[in-house]
C-alpha atoms as a PDB file:
ATOM      1  CA  MET A   1      62.539  63.315  10.481  1.00  0.00           C
ATOM      2  CA  LYS A   2      59.745  60.541  11.307  1.00  0.00           C
ATOM      3  CA  LEU A   3      58.278  60.598  14.412  1.00  0.00           C
ATOM      4  CA  ILE A   4      57.673  56.931  15.966  1.00  0.00           C
ATOM      5  CA  GLN A   5      55.188  56.782  18.022  1.00  0.00           C
ATOM      6  CA  TYR A   6      55.418  55.543  22.078  1.00  0.00           C
ATOM      7  CA  LYS A   7      53.102  52.665  20.818  1.00  0.00           C
ATOM      8  CA  SER A   8      54.534  51.705  17.614  1.00  0.00           C
ATOM      9  CA  ILE A   9      57.913  51.184  19.441  1.00  0.00           C
ATOM     10  CA  LEU A  10      56.868  49.060  21.897  1.00  0.00           C
ATOM     11  CA  GLN A  11      54.968  47.006  19.094  1.00  0.00           C
ATOM     12  CA  LEU A  12      57.641  46.955  17.162  1.00  0.00           C
ATOM     13  CA  VAL A  13      60.319  47.019  19.769  1.00  0.00           C
ATOM     14  CA  PHE A  14      63.170  44.737  17.753  1.00  0.00           C
ATOM     15  CA  ILE A  15      62.365  45.985  14.400  1.00  0.00           C
ATOM     16  CA  LEU A  16      61.902  49.900  14.668  1.00  0.00           C
ATOM     17  CA  ILE A  17      64.058  51.420  17.671  1.00  0.00           C
ATOM     18  CA  ILE A  18      67.086  52.831  17.484  1.00  0.00           C
ATOM     19  CA  GLY A  19      72.514  53.045  18.657  1.00  0.00           C
ATOM     20  CA  MET A  20      74.629  55.518  20.693  1.00  0.00           C
ATOM     21  CA  GLY A  21      73.941  54.597  24.302  1.00  0.00           C
ATOM     22  CA  CYS A  22      77.314  52.752  24.620  1.00  0.00           C
ATOM     23  CA  THR A  23      79.520  55.504  23.160  1.00  0.00           C
ATOM     24  CA  GLU A  24      81.156  58.547  24.754  1.00  0.00           C
ATOM     25  CA  SER A  25      80.169  62.085  24.695  1.00  0.00           C
ATOM     26  CA  SER A  26      82.562  64.678  25.334  1.00  0.00           C
ATOM     27  CA  SER A  27      79.927  66.451  27.299  1.00  0.00           C
ATOM     28  CA  SER A  28      79.457  63.570  29.689  1.00  0.00           C
ATOM     29  CA  GLN A  29      81.141  62.491  33.086  1.00  0.00           C
ATOM     30  CA  ASP A  30      82.232  59.318  33.203  1.00  0.00           C
ATOM     31  CA  ALA A  31      80.305  57.083  35.727  1.00  0.00           C
ATOM     32  CA  GLY A  32      82.292  54.755  37.079  1.00  0.00           C
ATOM     33  CA  THR A  33      79.847  53.119  39.502  1.00  0.00           C
ATOM     34  CA  GLU A  34      79.016  49.049  39.751  1.00  0.00           C
ATOM     35  CA  PRO A  35      76.467  47.730  38.431  1.00  0.00           C
ATOM     36  CA  MET A  36      72.941  48.136  39.896  1.00  0.00           C
ATOM     37  CA  GLU A  37      69.406  46.081  40.045  1.00  0.00           C
ATOM     38  CA  THR A  38      66.065  46.993  39.761  1.00  0.00           C
ATOM     39  CA  GLU A  39      63.706  45.518  42.322  1.00  0.00           C
ATOM     40  CA  SER A  40      62.238  43.861  38.660  1.00  0.00           C
ATOM     41  CA  GLY A  41      65.665  42.260  37.882  1.00  0.00           C
ATOM     42  CA  ILE A  42      67.115  44.380  35.289  1.00  0.00           C
ATOM     43  CA  LYS A  43      70.687  45.020  36.367  1.00  0.00           C
ATOM     44  CA  TYR A  44      72.056  47.986  34.627  1.00  0.00           C
ATOM     45  CA  GLN A  45      75.041  50.437  34.795  1.00  0.00           C
ATOM     46  CA  PHE A  46      75.554  53.808  33.954  1.00  0.00           C
ATOM     47  CA  VAL A  47      78.581  54.536  31.282  1.00  0.00           C
ATOM     48  CA  HIS A  48      78.068  58.796  31.206  1.00  0.00           C
ATOM     49  CA  HIS A  49      75.881  60.669  33.118  1.00  0.00           C
ATOM     50  CA  GLY A  50      74.582  63.641  32.002  1.00  0.00           C
ATOM     51  CA  THR A  51      72.200  66.224  33.636  1.00  0.00           C
ATOM     52  CA  GLY A  52      69.355  63.427  33.940  1.00  0.00           C
ATOM     53  CA  GLU A  53      66.931  65.758  32.876  1.00  0.00           C
ATOM     54  CA  VAL A  54      63.344  64.101  31.362  1.00  0.00           C
ATOM     55  CA  PRO A  55      61.252  66.043  28.891  1.00  0.00           C
ATOM     56  CA  PRO A  56      57.945  68.052  30.022  1.00  0.00           C
ATOM     57  CA  GLU A  57      55.039  65.873  30.192  1.00  0.00           C
ATOM     58  CA  GLY A  58      54.021  65.677  25.980  1.00  0.00           C
ATOM     59  CA  GLY A  59      57.192  66.534  24.846  1.00  0.00           C
ATOM     60  CA  TYR A  60      60.046  64.732  23.661  1.00  0.00           C
ATOM     61  CA  TRP A  61      63.392  62.787  23.744  1.00  0.00           C
ATOM     62  CA  ILE A  62      65.876  62.333  20.817  1.00  0.00           C
ATOM     63  CA  MET A  63      67.083  58.880  21.429  1.00  0.00           C
ATOM     64  CA  ASN A  64      69.695  56.264  20.495  1.00  0.00           C
ATOM     65  CA  LEU A  65      69.352  52.552  21.064  1.00  0.00           C
ATOM     66  CA  ALA A  66      70.534  49.402  20.394  1.00  0.00           C
ATOM     67  CA  TYR A  67      69.989  45.478  21.272  1.00  0.00           C
ATOM     68  CA  PHE A  68      72.224  42.561  21.481  1.00  0.00           C
ATOM     69  CA  ASN A  69      71.248  39.310  22.323  1.00  0.00           C
ATOM     70  CA  ASP A  70      73.528  36.655  24.309  1.00  0.00           C
ATOM     71  CA  LYS A  71      76.187  35.875  21.753  1.00  0.00           C
ATOM     72  CA  GLY A  72      76.820  39.750  21.406  1.00  0.00           C
ATOM     73  CA  GLU A  73      75.385  40.069  17.894  1.00  0.00           C
ATOM     74  CA  VAL A  74      73.397  43.384  16.692  1.00  0.00           C
ATOM     75  CA  ILE A  75      69.578  42.860  16.870  1.00  0.00           C
ATOM     76  CA  PHE A  76      68.624  46.381  16.330  1.00  0.00           C
ATOM     77  CA  SER A  77      70.876  49.536  16.400  1.00  0.00           C
ATOM     78  CA  SER A  78      68.896  53.096  15.372  1.00  0.00           C
ATOM     79  CA  ALA A  79      73.203  53.703  14.250  1.00  0.00           C
ATOM     80  CA  ASP A  80      72.333  51.398  11.221  1.00  0.00           C
ATOM     81  CA  GLN A  81      68.985  53.472  10.660  1.00  0.00           C
ATOM     82  CA  GLY A  82      70.013  57.207  10.453  1.00  0.00           C
ATOM     83  CA  GLY A  83      70.821  57.704  13.921  1.00  0.00           C
ATOM     84  CA  ALA A  84      69.059  59.207  16.864  1.00  0.00           C
ATOM     85  CA  MET A  85      65.069  59.028  16.841  1.00  0.00           C
ATOM     86  CA  PRO A  86      62.067  61.218  18.756  1.00  0.00           C
ATOM     87  CA  MET A  87      60.037  59.420  20.905  1.00  0.00           C
ATOM     88  CA  ASN A  88      57.128  61.287  22.814  1.00  0.00           C
ATOM     89  CA  TYR A  89      57.397  61.376  26.395  1.00  0.00           C
ATOM     90  CA  SER A  90      55.184  60.150  29.226  1.00  0.00           C
ATOM     91  CA  ALA A  91      55.755  59.891  32.779  1.00  0.00           C
ATOM     92  CA  THR A  92      52.792  57.809  33.012  1.00  0.00           C
ATOM     93  CA  ARG A  93      53.722  54.927  30.795  1.00  0.00           C
ATOM     94  CA  LEU A  94      57.066  54.351  32.506  1.00  0.00           C
ATOM     95  CA  THR A  95      55.821  51.384  34.342  1.00  0.00           C
ATOM     96  CA  LYS A  96      58.548  49.081  36.537  1.00  0.00           C
ATOM     97  CA  ASN A  97      57.803  45.609  34.857  1.00  0.00           C
ATOM     98  CA  ALA A  98      61.404  44.212  33.529  1.00  0.00           C
ATOM     99  CA  SER A  99      60.329  46.149  30.309  1.00  0.00           C
ATOM    100  CA  ILE A 100      62.197  48.690  27.995  1.00  0.00           C
ATOM    101  CA  GLU A 101      59.480  51.173  29.976  1.00  0.00           C
ATOM    102  CA  GLU A 102      61.149  50.411  33.144  1.00  0.00           C
ATOM    103  CA  CYS A 103      64.953  51.345  31.464  1.00  0.00           C
ATOM    104  CA  PHE A 104      63.296  54.675  30.135  1.00  0.00           C
ATOM    105  CA  ALA A 105      62.191  55.523  33.460  1.00  0.00           C
ATOM    106  CA  LEU A 106      65.945  55.481  34.871  1.00  0.00           C
ATOM    107  CA  ILE A 107      67.742  57.779  32.353  1.00  0.00           C
ATOM    108  CA  GLY A 108      67.780  61.254  31.128  1.00  0.00           C
ATOM    109  CA  LYS A 109      69.327  63.912  29.370  1.00  0.00           C
ATOM    110  CA  GLY A 110      72.830  63.220  28.497  1.00  0.00           C
ATOM    111  CA  ASP A 111      73.153  60.009  30.389  1.00  0.00           C
ATOM    112  CA  SER A 112      73.956  56.345  28.335  1.00  0.00           C
ATOM    113  CA  SER A 113      73.702  53.421  30.056  1.00  0.00           C
ATOM    114  CA  VAL A 114      73.538  49.690  29.964  1.00  0.00           C
ATOM    115  CA  PHE A 115      70.719  47.563  31.001  1.00  0.00           C
ATOM    116  CA  TYR A 116      70.724  43.417  31.050  1.00  0.00           C
ATOM    117  CA  LEU A 117      67.228  42.325  31.144  1.00  0.00           C
ATOM    118  CA  SER A 118      65.631  38.784  30.634  1.00  0.00           C
ATOM    119  CA  ALA A 119      64.266  38.530  26.784  1.00  0.00           C
ATOM    120  CA  ASP A 120      61.196  36.721  27.970  1.00  0.00           C
ATOM    121  CA  SER A 121      59.620  39.636  30.275  1.00  0.00           C
ATOM    122  CA  LEU A 122      61.028  42.106  27.435  1.00  0.00           C
ATOM    123  CA  TYR A 123      59.005  40.495  24.597  1.00  0.00           C
ATOM    124  CA  LYS A 124      55.903  39.827  27.609  1.00  0.00           C
ATOM    125  CA  ASN A 125      55.436  43.102  28.988  1.00  0.00           C
ATOM    126  CA  THR A 126      56.807  45.275  26.195  1.00  0.00           C
ATOM    127  CA  ALA A 127      56.027  43.956  22.513  1.00  0.00           C
ATOM    128  CA  GLY A 128      53.190  42.067  24.214  1.00  0.00           C
ATOM    129  CA  GLY A 129      53.831  38.679  22.236  1.00  0.00           C
ATOM    130  CA  PRO A 130      55.918  35.647  22.623  1.00  0.00           C
ATOM    131  CA  THR A 131      60.034  35.359  22.678  1.00  0.00           C
ATOM    132  CA  PRO A 132      61.398  34.372  19.597  1.00  0.00           C
ATOM    133  CA  PRO A 133      62.431  30.487  20.047  1.00  0.00           C
ATOM    134  CA  ASP A 134      66.111  31.702  19.920  1.00  0.00           C
ATOM    135  CA  LEU A 135      65.761  34.131  22.778  1.00  0.00           C
ATOM    136  CA  VAL A 136      63.801  32.335  25.376  1.00  0.00           C
ATOM    137  CA  GLY A 137      65.720  32.300  28.726  1.00  0.00           C
ATOM    138  CA  THR A 138      68.371  34.355  27.587  1.00  0.00           C
ATOM    139  CA  LYS A 139      69.383  38.102  28.378  1.00  0.00           C
ATOM    140  CA  ILE A 140      69.366  40.913  25.937  1.00  0.00           C
ATOM    141  CA  LYS A 141      71.718  43.613  26.323  1.00  0.00           C
ATOM    142  CA  LEU A 142      70.016  47.253  25.682  1.00  0.00           C
ATOM    143  CA  CYS A 143      72.314  50.274  25.372  1.00  0.00           C
ATOM    144  CA  ILE A 144      70.535  53.561  25.499  1.00  0.00           C
ATOM    145  CA  GLY A 145      71.776  57.245  25.184  1.00  0.00           C
ATOM    146  CA  ILE A 146      69.213  60.050  25.593  1.00  0.00           C
ATOM    147  CA  GLU A 147      71.001  62.715  22.915  1.00  0.00           C
ATOM    148  CA  ASN A 148      68.534  65.636  23.834  1.00  0.00           C
ATOM    149  CA  ILE A 149      65.065  66.586  24.983  1.00  0.00           C
ATOM    150  CA  PHE A 150      62.221  69.065  24.005  1.00  0.00           C
ATOM    151  CA  SER A 151      59.184  70.023  24.830  1.00  0.00           C
ATOM    152  CA  ALA A 152      56.052  69.988  22.154  1.00  0.00           C
ATOM    153  CA  GLU A 153      56.756  73.591  20.951  1.00  0.00           C
ATOM    154  CA  GLU A 154      60.448  73.058  20.510  1.00  0.00           C
ATOM    155  CA  PHE A 155      60.153  69.538  18.996  1.00  0.00           C
ATOM    156  CA  GLY A 156      58.264  71.410  16.415  1.00  0.00           C
ATOM    157  CA  GLU A 157      60.729  73.959  15.728  1.00  0.00           C
ATOM    158  CA  TYR A 158      63.747  71.567  15.744  1.00  0.00           C
ATOM    159  CA  THR A 159      61.918  68.768  13.480  1.00  0.00           C
ATOM    160  CA  LYS A 160      61.460  72.136  10.807  1.00  0.00           C
ATOM    161  CA  GLU A 161      64.984  73.275  11.230  1.00  0.00           C
ATOM    162  CA  LEU A 162      66.088  69.548  10.372  1.00  0.00           C
ATOM    163  CA  GLU A 163      64.181  69.288   7.425  1.00  0.00           C
ATOM    164  CA  LYS A 164      64.699  72.678   6.057  1.00  0.00           C
ATOM    165  CA  LYS A 165      68.935  71.854   6.076  1.00  0.00           C
ATOM    166  CA  GLN A 166      68.238  67.997   4.484  1.00  0.00           C
ATOM    167  CA  LEU A 167      65.920  69.862   1.876  1.00  0.00           C
ATOM    168  CA  GLU A 168      68.466  72.130   0.720  1.00  0.00           C
ATOM    169  CA  LYS A 169      71.178  69.209   0.648  1.00  0.00           C
ATOM    170  CA  GLU A 170      68.762  67.284  -1.786  1.00  0.00           C
ATOM    171  CA  LYS A 171      67.799  70.227  -3.865  1.00  0.00           C
ATOM    172  CA  ASP A 172      71.059  70.028  -6.449  1.00  0.00           C
ATOM    173  CA  VAL A 173      70.260  66.190  -6.847  1.00  0.00           C
ATOM    174  CA  ILE A 174      66.887  66.560  -7.173  1.00  0.00           C
ATOM    175  CA  ASN A 175      66.949  68.967 -10.304  1.00  0.00           C
ATOM    176  CA  THR A 176      69.766  67.088 -11.588  1.00  0.00           C
ATOM    177  CA  TYR A 177      67.257  63.987 -11.945  1.00  0.00           C
ATOM    178  CA  VAL A 178      64.171  66.324 -12.981  1.00  0.00           C
ATOM    179  CA  SER A 179      66.417  67.757 -15.830  1.00  0.00           C
ATOM    180  CA  THR A 180      67.859  64.554 -16.734  1.00  0.00           C
ATOM    181  CA  LYS A 181      64.502  62.951 -16.909  1.00  0.00           C
ATOM    182  CA  GLY A 182      63.140  65.952 -18.947  1.00  0.00           C
ATOM    183  CA  LEU A 183      60.090  66.586 -16.159  1.00  0.00           C
ATOM    184  CA  ASN A 184      58.538  69.652 -16.742  1.00  0.00           C
ATOM    185  CA  VAL A 185      57.597  69.592 -12.792  1.00  0.00           C
ATOM    186  CA  GLU A 186      56.062  72.126 -10.190  1.00  0.00           C
ATOM    187  CA  VAL A 187      56.857  72.397  -6.743  1.00  0.00           C
ATOM    188  CA  SER A 188      54.724  72.743  -3.848  1.00  0.00           C
ATOM    189  CA  GLU A 189      54.669  75.213  -0.723  1.00  0.00           C
ATOM    190  CA  GLU A 190      55.863  72.177   1.072  1.00  0.00           C
ATOM    191  CA  GLY A 191      58.750  71.428  -1.375  1.00  0.00           C
ATOM    192  CA  LEU A 192      57.429  68.147  -3.093  1.00  0.00           C
ATOM    193  CA  TYR A 193      58.310  68.346  -7.153  1.00  0.00           C
ATOM    194  CA  TYR A 194      55.530  66.971  -9.007  1.00  0.00           C
ATOM    195  CA  GLU A 195      54.399  66.801 -12.562  1.00  0.00           C
ATOM    196  CA  ILE A 196      50.715  65.970 -13.538  1.00  0.00           C
ATOM    197  CA  THR A 197      51.249  63.433 -16.521  1.00  0.00           C
ATOM    198  CA  LYS A 198      47.321  63.318 -16.950  1.00  0.00           C
ATOM    199  CA  VAL A 199      44.645  65.579 -15.816  1.00  0.00           C
ATOM    200  CA  GLY A 200      41.379  63.295 -14.556  1.00  0.00           C
ATOM    201  CA  ASN A 201      37.982  64.063 -15.659  1.00  0.00           C
ATOM    202  CA  GLY A 202      36.503  63.595 -11.849  1.00  0.00           C
ATOM    203  CA  ASP A 203      36.248  64.965  -8.836  1.00  0.00           C
ATOM    204  CA  MET A 204      39.342  65.833  -6.393  1.00  0.00           C
ATOM    205  CA  PRO A 205      39.312  64.461  -3.346  1.00  0.00           C
ATOM    206  CA  GLN A 206      38.764  65.908   0.290  1.00  0.00           C
ATOM    207  CA  VAL A 207      41.038  65.466   3.217  1.00  0.00           C
ATOM    208  CA  GLY A 208      39.450  62.831   5.263  1.00  0.00           C
ATOM    209  CA  GLN A 209      38.029  60.750   1.997  1.00  0.00           C
ATOM    210  CA  THR A 210      39.146  57.627   1.141  1.00  0.00           C
ATOM    211  CA  VAL A 211      41.104  57.208  -1.719  1.00  0.00           C
ATOM    212  CA  ARG A 212      42.390  54.059  -4.351  1.00  0.00           C
ATOM    213  CA  VAL A 213      45.521  54.544  -5.690  1.00  0.00           C
ATOM    214  CA  ASN A 214      47.567  52.972  -8.047  1.00  0.00           C
ATOM    215  CA  TYR A 215      51.744  53.256  -7.894  1.00  0.00           C
ATOM    216  CA  THR A 216      55.003  52.585  -8.579  1.00  0.00           C
ATOM    217  CA  GLY A 217      57.736  53.745  -6.217  1.00  0.00           C
ATOM    218  CA  PHE A 218      61.431  54.197  -7.731  1.00  0.00           C
ATOM    219  CA  LEU A 219      64.537  55.412  -6.001  1.00  0.00           C
ATOM    220  CA  MET A 220      66.541  57.927  -7.562  1.00  0.00           C
ATOM    221  CA  ASP A 221      68.521  55.521  -9.697  1.00  0.00           C
ATOM    222  CA  GLY A 222      65.642  53.736 -10.872  1.00  0.00           C
ATOM    223  CA  THR A 223      65.060  50.651  -8.752  1.00  0.00           C
ATOM    224  CA  VAL A 224      61.726  49.948  -8.407  1.00  0.00           C
ATOM    225  CA  PHE A 225      60.898  49.430  -4.682  1.00  0.00           C
ATOM    226  CA  ASP A 226      57.012  48.654  -4.734  1.00  0.00           C
ATOM    227  CA  THR A 227      54.228  49.193  -7.317  1.00  0.00           C
ATOM    228  CA  SER A 228      50.773  47.934  -6.801  1.00  0.00           C
ATOM    229  CA  VAL A 229      50.801  47.254 -10.737  1.00  0.00           C
ATOM    230  CA  GLU A 230      51.288  43.611 -11.564  1.00  0.00           C
ATOM    231  CA  GLU A 231      52.928  44.040 -15.193  1.00  0.00           C
ATOM    232  CA  ALA A 232      55.145  46.691 -13.526  1.00  0.00           C
ATOM    233  CA  ALA A 233      56.126  44.334 -11.148  1.00  0.00           C
ATOM    234  CA  LYS A 234      57.020  41.548 -13.568  1.00  0.00           C
ATOM    235  CA  GLU A 235      58.916  44.132 -16.004  1.00  0.00           C
ATOM    236  CA  ALA A 236      61.136  45.256 -12.756  1.00  0.00           C
ATOM    237  CA  ASN A 237      61.734  41.670 -11.619  1.00  0.00           C
ATOM    238  CA  VAL A 238      60.265  42.437  -8.301  1.00  0.00           C
ATOM    239  CA  TYR A 239      56.743  40.420  -8.680  1.00  0.00           C
ATOM    240  CA  SER A 240      55.688  38.376  -6.052  1.00  0.00           C
ATOM    241  CA  PRO A 241      53.235  35.382  -6.982  1.00  0.00           C
ATOM    242  CA  GLY A 242      51.293  35.348  -3.510  1.00  0.00           C
ATOM    243  CA  ARG A 243      50.202  39.187  -4.012  1.00  0.00           C
ATOM    244  CA  GLN A 244      47.193  40.870  -5.028  1.00  0.00           C
ATOM    245  CA  TYR A 245      48.352  43.673  -7.141  1.00  0.00           C
ATOM    246  CA  GLN A 246      45.549  46.318  -6.701  1.00  0.00           C
ATOM    247  CA  PRO A 247      45.048  50.201  -6.216  1.00  0.00           C
ATOM    248  CA  TYR A 248      46.310  51.213  -2.708  1.00  0.00           C
ATOM    249  CA  THR A 249      43.323  52.817  -0.298  1.00  0.00           C
ATOM    250  CA  PHE A 250      43.830  55.130   2.382  1.00  0.00           C
ATOM    251  CA  ALA A 251      42.100  58.233   4.071  1.00  0.00           C
ATOM    252  CA  LEU A 252      43.959  61.533   2.371  1.00  0.00           C
ATOM    253  CA  GLY A 253      45.714  63.766   4.728  1.00  0.00           C
ATOM    254  CA  GLN A 254      45.274  61.481   8.015  1.00  0.00           C
ATOM    255  CA  GLY A 255      48.590  60.729   8.641  1.00  0.00           C
ATOM    256  CA  ASN A 256      48.239  57.087   6.735  1.00  0.00           C
ATOM    257  CA  VAL A 257      51.287  57.803   4.319  1.00  0.00           C
ATOM    258  CA  ILE A 258      54.020  59.695   3.706  1.00  0.00           C
ATOM    259  CA  ARG A 259      53.599  63.352   3.546  1.00  0.00           C
ATOM    260  CA  GLY A 260      54.531  63.452   0.132  1.00  0.00           C
ATOM    261  CA  TRP A 261      51.524  61.005  -0.901  1.00  0.00           C
ATOM    262  CA  ASP A 262      49.121  63.207   1.114  1.00  0.00           C
ATOM    263  CA  ILE A 263      50.418  66.323  -0.829  1.00  0.00           C
ATOM    264  CA  GLY A 264      50.516  65.040  -4.136  1.00  0.00           C
ATOM    265  CA  ILE A 265      47.330  63.214  -4.307  1.00  0.00           C
ATOM    266  CA  GLY A 266      45.835  65.673  -2.984  1.00  0.00           C
ATOM    267  CA  LEU A 267      46.368  67.601  -6.075  1.00  0.00           C
ATOM    268  CA  LEU A 268      44.853  65.305  -8.397  1.00  0.00           C
ATOM    269  CA  SER A 269      41.506  64.550  -9.806  1.00  0.00           C
ATOM    270  CA  VAL A 270      39.806  61.103 -10.277  1.00  0.00           C
ATOM    271  CA  GLY A 271      41.738  59.593 -13.394  1.00  0.00           C
ATOM    272  CA  GLY A 272      44.739  61.938 -13.223  1.00  0.00           C
ATOM    273  CA  LYS A 273      48.226  60.980 -12.894  1.00  0.00           C
ATOM    274  CA  ALA A 274      51.339  62.101 -11.764  1.00  0.00           C
ATOM    275  CA  THR A 275      54.970  61.828 -11.371  1.00  0.00           C
ATOM    276  CA  ILE A 276      56.258  62.953  -7.869  1.00  0.00           C
ATOM    277  CA  VAL A 277      59.337  63.515  -6.539  1.00  0.00           C
ATOM    278  CA  VAL A 278      59.728  63.140  -2.716  1.00  0.00           C
ATOM    279  CA  PRO A 279      62.187  64.782  -0.666  1.00  0.00           C
ATOM    280  CA  SER A 280      63.129  62.737   2.295  1.00  0.00           C
ATOM    281  CA  SER A 281      61.646  65.079   4.771  1.00  0.00           C
ATOM    282  CA  LEU A 282      58.321  64.405   3.101  1.00  0.00           C
ATOM    283  CA  ALA A 283      59.131  60.470   2.861  1.00  0.00           C
ATOM    284  CA  TYR A 284      61.078  58.774   5.558  1.00  0.00           C
ATOM    285  CA  GLY A 285      63.362  61.257   6.550  1.00  0.00           C
ATOM    286  CA  ASN A 286      66.422  60.013   8.022  1.00  0.00           C
ATOM    287  CA  ARG A 287      65.120  56.663   9.059  1.00  0.00           C
ATOM    288  CA  ALA A 288      65.429  53.805   6.407  1.00  0.00           C
ATOM    289  CA  MET A 289      62.778  51.531   5.416  1.00  0.00           C
ATOM    290  CA  GLY A 290      63.820  47.966   4.842  1.00  0.00           C
ATOM    291  CA  PRO A 291      66.983  46.930   3.033  1.00  0.00           C
ATOM    292  CA  ILE A 292      66.488  49.492  -0.342  1.00  0.00           C
ATOM    293  CA  ILE A 293      65.379  52.678   1.364  1.00  0.00           C
ATOM    294  CA  LYS A 294      68.243  54.178   3.030  1.00  0.00           C
ATOM    295  CA  PRO A 295      68.169  56.970   5.557  1.00  0.00           C
ATOM    296  CA  ASN A 296      67.095  60.596   3.708  1.00  0.00           C
ATOM    297  CA  SER A 297      66.370  58.760   0.676  1.00  0.00           C
ATOM    298  CA  THR A 298      64.652  61.223  -2.218  1.00  0.00           C
ATOM    299  CA  LEU A 299      61.562  58.735  -3.938  1.00  0.00           C
ATOM    300  CA  VAL A 300      60.172  58.822  -7.142  1.00  0.00           C
ATOM    301  CA  PHE A 301      56.809  57.686  -7.810  1.00  0.00           C
ATOM    302  CA  THR A 302      54.248  57.572 -10.745  1.00  0.00           C
ATOM    303  CA  VAL A 303      50.253  57.687  -9.119  1.00  0.00           C
ATOM    304  CA  GLU A 304      47.108  57.450 -10.653  1.00  0.00           C
ATOM    305  CA  LEU A 305      44.085  58.583  -8.638  1.00  0.00           C
ATOM    306  CA  VAL A 306      41.660  55.593  -9.732  1.00  0.00           C
ATOM    307  CA  GLU A 307      38.907  56.403  -7.363  1.00  0.00           C
ATOM    308  CA  ILE A 308      37.116  58.166  -4.329  1.00  0.00           C
ATOM    309  CA  VAL A 309      35.355  55.877  -2.221  1.00  0.00           C
ATOM    310  CA  LYS A 310      32.137  57.082  -1.578  1.00  0.00           C
END
């Protein structure tokens, strides 16, 4: 599972958020109340009531969410992105300024609610940017459902268990792929499958060091979804004339890339190459990443450690 931090949700509110909010839960109680309104002008109604509990400070809630424009068209739905997403909880962030934060402040565990709020206020106070032209002066319908809550410790265990179950589901597919491709892989402690295809003759990178890496990323059906190599892009018909093809630069072990990369690149020395097969738990988890990478996708990369930046 990929954790989306609160700040990221606010910055990418219409790209990377969550779609259960308007659905029924068998354990919920029918709210059946008239719409209410906050002092800031947000109109809302509980579809179902749960316990209303919120996580302890620093804990996490598992949240489903969907946005609709005034024509009823879906702007975003977590149901299309793999389901409920975790978000770090802090009561001090839940301000009352006609933003998504105010909506979050009104709900708790098991609650399912519908909110109607100004698109202009939402973009200004939550996303910190201008309202898209087609939404200026309109209302956004926001459906939120809080599936569960956890303390920080409980969330860690919850995440590990989800990753363990998903890895078990993927093992047979990965083993079939490895066998079909004739890969001579080893498996890291974390579950990364890797074959070092060329041993480098330079240093091995340490956590925190900046590295430069050439790569090509595939789905298991061979579809190339990204590459830093111009020739590979042209061969796979994914070449973009405006792009500057060059090694990707990042700090190793700092969470700036998927975990599979932090693990796999750390196994190479400068000049070394490898094929890494990355289970979804070490990639993007149950989140989609654009139109090509679907939820729970196992990814394959050919990588080359070009340089450790001194």
